[in-house]
Amino acid sequence: MRFLSSRTPGFSRSLRSECNGAVQPEPVWQKRGTGRNFRRHAEVEAADCEQAANVPRSAKAKKAKYRRRRAVQIVVVNFISQEETAMERKILVLSLLAMALAAPPNHAQTPPAGTAPSAASAVDQGSIQALKDMGAYLQTLKRFRVSNDLTAERVLADGQKLQHMARADMDVARPNKLRVMMLSPRSERELIYDGKTVTLYTPAQKYYSSVEFSDTIGGLIGRLQEKYGMELPLTDLFIWGTPAAPLDKIESAMNAGQDFVGKDLCDHYAFRQGNIDWQIWITTGSKPLPRKVVITNRADEARPQSVSLLEWKLTPSFTDSVFSFTPPKGSSKIEILPVKTK
């Protein structure tokens, strides 16, 4: 339609042109509409005007009548083409507007072709500061409940990926009380720590193991992983904002804009660290809480991901009784074995 509308005005002008008061015969506007050069037009017009002067008046009148009817037809065509062009422009504007609304904002600048950003320039210091601010705020929380809905991918031998889901609910009373309930279709476990004894309980089998231990929650996390090879969910919540979470190993950091996680407006950050890419969504405002974390394993060519969605209750209703464990009737105590050191 754009090509048609650009040609139509030329047709209309040639049809309405006159030569010394004589109407051009039909062959002239047909030739002129094709866009041949101006000198050829002038020669044809002169010859046609001379020929038109010798045409009888009745023939001239018929030609004039035909010419007016033809001009009206072309004007109508021209008007329709202009309307269609205007409509196309409106559609184009609306399409571009829809694309702009659908596309997420891009705050990252692409370096010029042939240049590679330095390690320093690849790390946005504002994004690093956002992690520091979040960690500092998490360390101020003394009593809270946080829930994690986790979706993780498992890669089969043929490269096909399967998603599995699990949930963890965590009650925390700093510095040394913790209860974690981990649930999936394949297992159910509970960990209870009252500051003196840590207990691991499996309700389906009614087995439990208890070990005396006295330290902070951070110390408990390190001890379980080092001696028993156990890794609790959401352990980073207790590491961010402490020396145990150094940020100098981050190779790339960027601010990816803002998104809503549930009803919370969050700042979105992306980081690269070794073979791991990870993204985090942190609530805006005075309470910078992590609401979503995505981890991608780049060491695997299938790029499996895990996605954690976090829900927070900063004024929980639980009491300290949830941190005490009483063996249920019919349960059996077993020994938890430490991992073998190499």
Protein backbone atom coordinates (compact mmCIF):
# COMPACT_ATOMS: atom_id res chain seq x y z
CA MET A 1 0.00 0.00 0.00
CA ARG A 2 2.86 2.39 0.61
CA PHE A 3 4.05 1.93 -2.99
CA LEU A 4 0.53 2.51 -4.36
CA SER A 5 -0.07 5.70 -2.38
CA SER A 6 3.22 7.21 -3.55
CA ARG A 7 2.24 6.77 -7.21
CA THR A 8 -1.41 7.80 -7.07
CA PRO A 9 -0.94 11.63 -6.86
CA GLY A 10 1.10 11.53 -10.06
CA PHE A 11 -1.76 9.88 -11.91
CA SER A 12 -4.24 12.49 -10.68
CA ARG A 13 -2.16 15.47 -11.72
CA SER A 14 -1.59 14.13 -15.23
CA LEU A 15 -5.31 13.46 -15.69
CA ARG A 16 -6.27 17.01 -14.62
CA SER A 17 -3.61 18.83 -16.63
CA GLU A 18 -4.65 20.87 -19.66
CA CYS A 19 -2.74 22.18 -22.76
CA ASN A 20 -3.93 25.58 -23.97
CA GLY A 21 -7.47 24.80 -22.84
CA ALA A 22 -7.56 21.54 -24.76
CA VAL A 23 -8.11 18.32 -22.86
CA GLN A 24 -5.41 15.71 -23.39
CA PRO A 25 -6.57 12.57 -25.17
CA GLU A 26 -6.42 9.23 -23.36
CA PRO A 27 -2.99 8.03 -24.58
CA VAL A 28 -1.25 11.04 -22.93
CA TRP A 29 -2.23 10.33 -19.30
CA GLN A 30 -1.57 6.66 -19.79
CA LYS A 31 2.01 7.41 -20.86
CA ARG A 32 2.60 10.12 -18.26
CA GLY A 33 1.48 7.91 -15.44
CA THR A 34 4.34 5.55 -16.14
CA GLY A 35 6.88 8.18 -15.00
CA ARG A 36 8.93 8.61 -18.24
CA ASN A 37 11.34 11.54 -18.46
CA PHE A 38 10.11 15.14 -18.67
CA ARG A 39 11.39 15.92 -22.18
CA ARG A 40 9.48 13.00 -23.64
CA HIS A 41 6.38 14.25 -21.83
CA ALA A 42 6.74 17.70 -23.38
CA GLU A 43 7.09 16.29 -26.91
CA VAL A 44 4.07 14.08 -26.49
CA GLU A 45 1.99 16.91 -24.99
CA ALA A 46 2.84 19.27 -27.87
CA ALA A 47 1.92 16.68 -30.48
CA ASP A 48 -1.26 15.70 -28.69
CA CYS A 49 -2.33 19.33 -28.26
CA GLU A 50 -1.88 19.99 -31.97
CA GLN A 51 -3.85 16.86 -32.76
CA ALA A 52 -6.54 17.79 -30.23
CA ALA A 53 -7.09 21.17 -31.94
CA ASN A 54 -8.22 19.37 -35.16
CA VAL A 55 -10.68 17.06 -33.41
CA PRO A 56 -14.36 17.97 -34.08
CA ARG A 57 -16.15 19.67 -31.18
CA SER A 58 -18.58 16.77 -30.68
CA ALA A 59 -15.63 14.44 -30.38
CA LYS A 60 -13.98 16.92 -28.04
CA ALA A 61 -17.11 17.00 -25.89
CA LYS A 62 -17.17 13.22 -25.72
CA LYS A 63 -13.53 13.23 -24.79
CA ALA A 64 -14.15 15.87 -22.12
CA LYS A 65 -17.08 13.93 -20.67
CA TYR A 66 -15.02 10.76 -20.62
CA ARG A 67 -12.15 12.71 -19.11
CA ARG A 68 -14.28 14.08 -16.22
CA ARG A 69 -15.71 10.66 -15.43
CA ARG A 70 -12.25 9.17 -15.50
CA ALA A 71 -10.89 11.95 -13.27
CA VAL A 72 -13.61 11.30 -10.68
CA GLN A 73 -12.69 7.60 -10.66
CA ILE A 74 -9.01 8.37 -10.13
CA VAL A 75 -9.78 10.94 -7.41
CA VAL A 76 -11.84 8.32 -5.59
CA VAL A 77 -9.00 5.82 -5.93
CA ASN A 78 -6.60 8.46 -4.65
CA PHE A 79 -8.83 9.23 -1.67
CA ILE A 80 -9.18 5.54 -0.79
CA SER A 81 -5.44 5.00 -1.05
CA GLN A 82 -4.85 7.97 1.27
CA GLU A 83 -7.36 6.56 3.77
CA GLU A 84 -5.68 3.15 3.58
CA THR A 85 -2.26 4.76 4.12
CA ALA A 86 -3.54 6.65 7.16
CA MET A 87 -5.03 3.44 8.54
CA GLU A 88 -1.75 1.61 7.96
CA ARG A 89 0.11 4.33 9.83
CA LYS A 90 -2.31 4.02 12.78
CA ILE A 91 -1.86 0.24 12.82
CA LEU A 92 1.92 0.65 12.68
CA VAL A 93 1.89 3.13 15.59
CA LEU A 94 -0.33 0.84 17.67
CA SER A 95 1.90 -2.15 16.88
CA LEU A 96 5.02 -0.28 17.94
CA LEU A 97 3.27 0.87 21.13
CA ALA A 98 2.27 -2.70 21.98
CA MET A 99 5.83 -3.90 21.40
CA ALA A 100 7.17 -1.13 23.65
CA LEU A 101 4.78 -2.06 26.45
CA ALA A 102 5.53 -5.77 26.16
CA ALA A 103 9.32 -5.45 26.02
CA PRO A 104 11.15 -5.21 29.37
CA PRO A 105 13.35 -2.14 29.87
CA ASN A 106 16.95 -2.65 28.91
CA HIS A 107 19.35 -0.70 31.07
CA ALA A 108 22.53 -2.38 29.90
CA GLN A 109 24.63 -0.71 27.25
CA THR A 110 26.13 -2.82 24.47
CA PRO A 111 29.86 -2.22 24.01
CA PRO A 112 31.07 -1.22 20.52
CA ALA A 113 31.77 -4.05 18.09
CA GLY A 114 35.22 -5.52 18.39
CA THR A 115 35.72 -4.42 21.99
CA ALA A 116 35.48 -6.57 25.09
CA PRO A 117 34.48 -5.03 28.43
CA SER A 118 37.10 -5.23 31.16
CA ALA A 119 36.45 -7.23 34.32
CA ALA A 120 36.01 -4.02 36.29
CA SER A 121 33.47 -2.53 33.86
CA ALA A 122 31.53 -5.83 33.73
CA VAL A 123 30.78 -5.53 37.45
CA ASP A 124 28.18 -2.84 38.11
CA GLN A 125 28.99 -1.45 41.54
CA GLY A 126 25.39 -0.41 42.10
CA SER A 127 24.35 -4.07 41.81
CA ILE A 128 27.07 -5.10 44.28
CA GLN A 129 25.87 -2.43 46.68
CA ALA A 130 22.32 -3.77 46.39
CA LEU A 131 23.56 -7.17 47.62
CA LYS A 132 25.35 -5.49 50.52
CA ASP A 133 22.24 -3.53 51.48
CA MET A 134 20.09 -6.65 51.31
CA GLY A 135 22.57 -8.65 53.41
CA ALA A 136 22.79 -5.90 56.02
CA TYR A 137 19.01 -5.81 56.30
CA LEU A 138 18.72 -9.61 56.58
CA GLN A 139 21.14 -9.57 59.50
CA THR A 140 18.82 -7.21 61.38
CA LEU A 141 15.93 -9.72 61.26
CA LYS A 142 15.71 -11.53 64.58
CA ARG A 143 12.48 -13.49 64.28
CA PHE A 144 10.75 -14.41 61.03
CA ARG A 145 9.24 -17.12 58.87
CA VAL A 146 10.25 -17.61 55.24
CA SER A 147 8.84 -20.11 52.75
CA ASN A 148 10.50 -21.28 49.57
CA ASP A 149 8.70 -22.83 46.60
CA LEU A 150 11.50 -24.42 44.61
CA THR A 151 11.41 -25.63 41.00
CA ALA A 152 14.54 -27.48 39.86
CA GLU A 153 15.51 -29.17 36.60
CA ARG A 154 17.04 -32.62 36.22
CA VAL A 155 18.87 -33.50 33.00
CA LEU A 156 18.49 -37.02 31.63
CA ALA A 157 21.24 -38.89 29.78
CA ASP A 158 19.76 -37.93 26.40
CA GLY A 159 19.65 -34.24 27.34
CA GLN A 160 15.93 -34.04 28.09
CA LYS A 161 15.13 -31.88 31.13
CA LEU A 162 12.57 -32.69 33.80
CA GLN A 163 11.24 -30.22 36.35
CA HIS A 164 10.65 -31.19 39.97
CA MET A 165 9.13 -29.11 42.74
CA ALA A 166 9.65 -28.94 46.49
CA ARG A 167 8.79 -26.64 49.37
CA ALA A 168 10.60 -25.53 52.50
CA ASP A 169 9.19 -23.59 55.47
CA MET A 170 11.65 -22.08 57.91
CA ASP A 171 11.00 -20.60 61.36
CA VAL A 172 13.91 -18.55 62.69
CA ALA A 173 14.68 -16.99 66.05
CA ARG A 174 18.18 -15.58 66.05
CA PRO A 175 20.80 -16.25 67.14
CA ASN A 176 20.42 -19.99 67.68
CA LYS A 177 16.93 -21.36 67.08
CA LEU A 178 15.76 -22.89 63.83
CA ARG A 179 13.06 -25.19 62.49
CA VAL A 180 12.99 -26.29 58.85
CA MET A 181 10.24 -28.38 57.22
CA MET A 182 11.17 -29.77 53.79
CA LEU A 183 8.49 -31.40 51.66
CA SER A 184 8.40 -33.01 48.21
CA PRO A 185 6.48 -35.97 46.73
CA ARG A 186 9.58 -38.09 47.28
CA SER A 187 10.52 -37.17 50.84
CA GLU A 188 9.55 -35.24 53.96
CA ARG A 189 12.09 -34.11 56.54
CA GLU A 190 12.26 -31.81 59.52
CA LEU A 191 15.24 -30.19 61.20
CA ILE A 192 14.85 -28.74 64.70
CA TYR A 193 17.52 -26.80 66.53
CA ASP A 194 17.01 -25.27 69.99
CA GLY A 195 20.53 -23.91 70.46
CA LYS A 196 21.78 -27.04 72.26
CA THR A 197 20.63 -30.02 70.21
CA VAL A 198 19.97 -30.46 66.50
CA THR A 199 17.53 -33.16 65.42
CA LEU A 200 16.74 -34.54 61.98
CA TYR A 201 13.36 -36.31 61.71
CA THR A 202 11.69 -38.20 58.83
CA PRO A 203 7.94 -38.52 59.56
CA ALA A 204 7.23 -41.21 56.94
CA GLN A 205 9.76 -43.66 58.41
CA LYS A 206 9.51 -42.26 61.96
CA TYR A 207 13.27 -42.10 62.27
CA TYR A 208 15.14 -39.36 64.06
CA SER A 209 18.74 -38.51 64.84
CA SER A 210 19.90 -36.04 67.48
CA VAL A 211 23.34 -34.48 67.94
CA GLU A 212 24.42 -32.09 70.66
CA PHE A 213 25.63 -28.82 69.24
CA SER A 214 25.85 -25.27 70.53
CA ASP A 215 26.49 -22.38 68.16
CA THR A 216 24.71 -19.80 66.08
CA ILE A 217 22.56 -20.72 63.10
CA GLY A 218 25.44 -19.82 60.79
CA GLY A 219 27.75 -22.12 62.72
CA LEU A 220 25.17 -24.90 62.55
CA ILE A 221 24.92 -24.60 58.78
CA GLY A 222 28.68 -24.87 58.37
CA ARG A 223 28.94 -27.80 60.79
CA LEU A 224 26.20 -29.85 59.09
CA GLN A 225 27.72 -29.36 55.68
CA GLU A 226 31.29 -30.04 56.76
CA LYS A 227 30.77 -33.07 59.00
CA TYR A 228 27.58 -34.68 57.67
CA GLY A 229 27.39 -33.45 54.09
CA MET A 230 23.98 -31.90 54.74
CA GLU A 231 22.99 -28.71 52.99
CA LEU A 232 19.93 -26.89 54.25
CA PRO A 233 17.69 -24.82 51.97
CA LEU A 234 17.99 -21.04 52.03
CA THR A 235 21.36 -21.10 53.78
CA ASP A 236 22.42 -17.98 51.87
CA LEU A 237 19.92 -15.99 53.94
CA PHE A 238 22.26 -16.40 56.92
CA ILE A 239 25.46 -15.80 54.98
CA TRP A 240 24.63 -12.62 53.07
CA GLY A 241 25.87 -9.61 54.96
CA THR A 242 28.67 -11.53 56.70
CA PRO A 243 32.38 -12.13 55.86
CA ALA A 244 31.39 -15.65 54.80
CA ALA A 245 29.82 -14.16 51.67
CA PRO A 246 32.68 -12.39 49.85
CA LEU A 247 31.61 -10.48 46.77
CA ASP A 248 35.01 -10.17 45.09
CA LYS A 249 34.51 -13.48 43.25
CA ILE A 250 31.66 -12.05 41.17
CA GLU A 251 32.81 -11.71 37.54
CA SER A 252 29.78 -9.91 36.15
CA ALA A 253 27.00 -7.88 37.74
CA MET A 254 24.22 -5.90 36.13
CA ASN A 255 20.95 -4.17 36.95
CA ALA A 256 18.29 -5.79 34.73
CA GLY A 257 15.46 -3.36 35.58
CA GLN A 258 12.36 -3.95 37.67
CA ASP A 259 9.67 -6.63 37.82
CA PHE A 260 6.75 -7.57 40.03
CA VAL A 261 7.10 -10.74 42.09
CA GLY A 262 3.61 -11.33 43.35
CA LYS A 263 2.46 -7.87 44.44
CA ASP A 264 5.95 -6.65 45.33
CA LEU A 265 7.89 -4.36 43.01
CA CYS A 266 11.46 -5.66 42.87
CA ASP A 267 14.82 -4.62 41.48
CA HIS A 268 16.19 -7.36 39.22
CA TYR A 269 19.93 -8.11 39.26
CA ALA A 270 21.98 -10.65 37.31
CA PHE A 271 25.39 -12.03 38.29
CA ARG A 272 27.99 -14.43 36.91
CA GLN A 273 30.36 -16.35 39.14
CA GLY A 274 32.48 -19.16 37.71
CA ASN A 275 30.19 -21.66 35.99
CA ILE A 276 27.11 -20.27 37.72
CA ASP A 277 24.79 -17.54 36.51
CA TRP A 278 22.34 -16.32 39.11
CA GLN A 279 19.62 -13.72 39.24
CA ILE A 280 17.91 -12.17 42.22
CA TRP A 281 14.82 -10.00 42.64
CA ILE A 282 14.97 -7.69 45.71
CA THR A 283 12.01 -5.69 46.97
CA THR A 284 12.30 -1.94 46.57
CA GLY A 285 12.02 0.43 49.51
CA SER A 286 13.28 0.24 53.08
CA LYS A 287 12.95 -3.57 53.39
CA PRO A 288 15.19 -5.10 50.70
CA LEU A 289 14.11 -8.74 50.90
CA PRO A 290 15.01 -11.37 48.29
CA ARG A 291 11.78 -12.53 46.63
CA LYS A 292 13.07 -14.66 43.78
CA VAL A 293 16.35 -16.39 42.95
CA VAL A 294 17.22 -18.16 39.70
CA ILE A 295 20.41 -20.21 39.41
CA THR A 296 21.73 -21.53 36.07
CA ASN A 297 24.46 -24.15 35.86
CA ARG A 298 26.62 -23.23 32.85
CA ALA A 299 28.95 -26.19 33.42
CA ASP A 300 26.20 -28.40 32.01
CA GLU A 301 25.52 -27.79 28.31
CA ALA A 302 21.80 -28.30 29.03
CA ARG A 303 21.90 -25.22 31.31
CA PRO A 304 19.64 -26.62 34.08
CA GLN A 305 18.01 -24.05 36.33
CA SER A 306 16.54 -23.83 39.79
CA VAL A 307 13.96 -21.19 40.66
CA SER A 308 13.14 -20.19 44.24
CA LEU A 309 10.11 -18.04 45.12
CA LEU A 310 10.32 -16.66 48.66
CA GLU A 311 7.46 -15.54 50.91
CA TRP A 312 8.22 -13.61 54.10
CA LYS A 313 6.49 -13.08 57.45
CA LEU A 314 8.45 -10.60 59.52
CA THR A 315 5.99 -10.74 62.43
CA PRO A 316 5.37 -14.49 62.79
CA SER A 317 2.97 -16.02 65.31
CA PHE A 318 5.01 -19.09 66.33
CA THR A 319 6.34 -19.59 69.87
CA ASP A 320 9.64 -21.06 71.06
CA SER A 321 7.96 -24.43 71.52
CA VAL A 322 8.37 -25.10 67.79
CA PHE A 323 12.13 -25.39 68.38
CA SER A 324 11.75 -28.29 70.81
CA PHE A 325 11.57 -31.88 69.61
CA THR A 326 9.67 -34.64 71.39
CA PRO A 327 9.95 -38.04 69.69
CA PRO A 328 6.52 -39.13 68.43
CA LYS A 329 5.10 -42.42 69.65
CA GLY A 330 6.46 -45.34 67.67
CA SER A 331 9.48 -43.44 66.34
CA SER A 332 12.99 -44.88 66.43
CA LYS A 333 16.29 -43.17 67.08
CA ILE A 334 19.11 -43.86 64.65
CA GLU A 335 22.65 -42.60 64.41
CA ILE A 336 23.56 -40.03 61.79
CA LEU A 337 26.90 -40.95 60.27
CA PRO A 338 29.51 -38.35 59.35
CA VAL A 339 30.85 -38.27 55.83
CA LYS A 340 34.15 -40.04 55.23
CA THR A 341 37.08 -37.71 54.81
CA LYS A 342 39.41 -38.39 51.92
